[in-house]
Amino acid sequence: MKEPVFDPEVDYELHNAHVARAAGNEGRARVCARRAAGLAVRKYFERKDFQLNNKSAYELLLTLINQPGIPPTALQNAINLTMRVSESFMLPTQVDLIIEARSLCEQLAKL
């Protein structure tokens, strides 16, 4: 694995997302991307001394969406990362959750 860009846990999940996609497991890639984003959100909230209960990545993303002052692009990334898949395991729009997660991680690291 390359030099960490984010927190090592975040990098690990992003790496796993790429590995899963390369193996043809898009569902696993989405899970890893969301996990990476959730870890980045948790780190962001910890830096802001925001009280967290033991929340899942999905719950953390929903919490972030409802916070004031989140940049519009980060907000859209979080919204995209919380989209549910259809019964055929497809997202309702053509978004790449790995790209969305990386973008959100980059933005939160700067806040």
Foldseek 3Di string as FASTA:
>chain_A
DDDDPAPPQLVVLLVQLVVCVVVVNNVSSLVSLLQSLLVLLVVLCVVVVHDDDPDGSLVSLVVVLPDPPQDPLLNVLSVQSNADADPVRHGPDDDRSSVSSVVNSVRSVVD
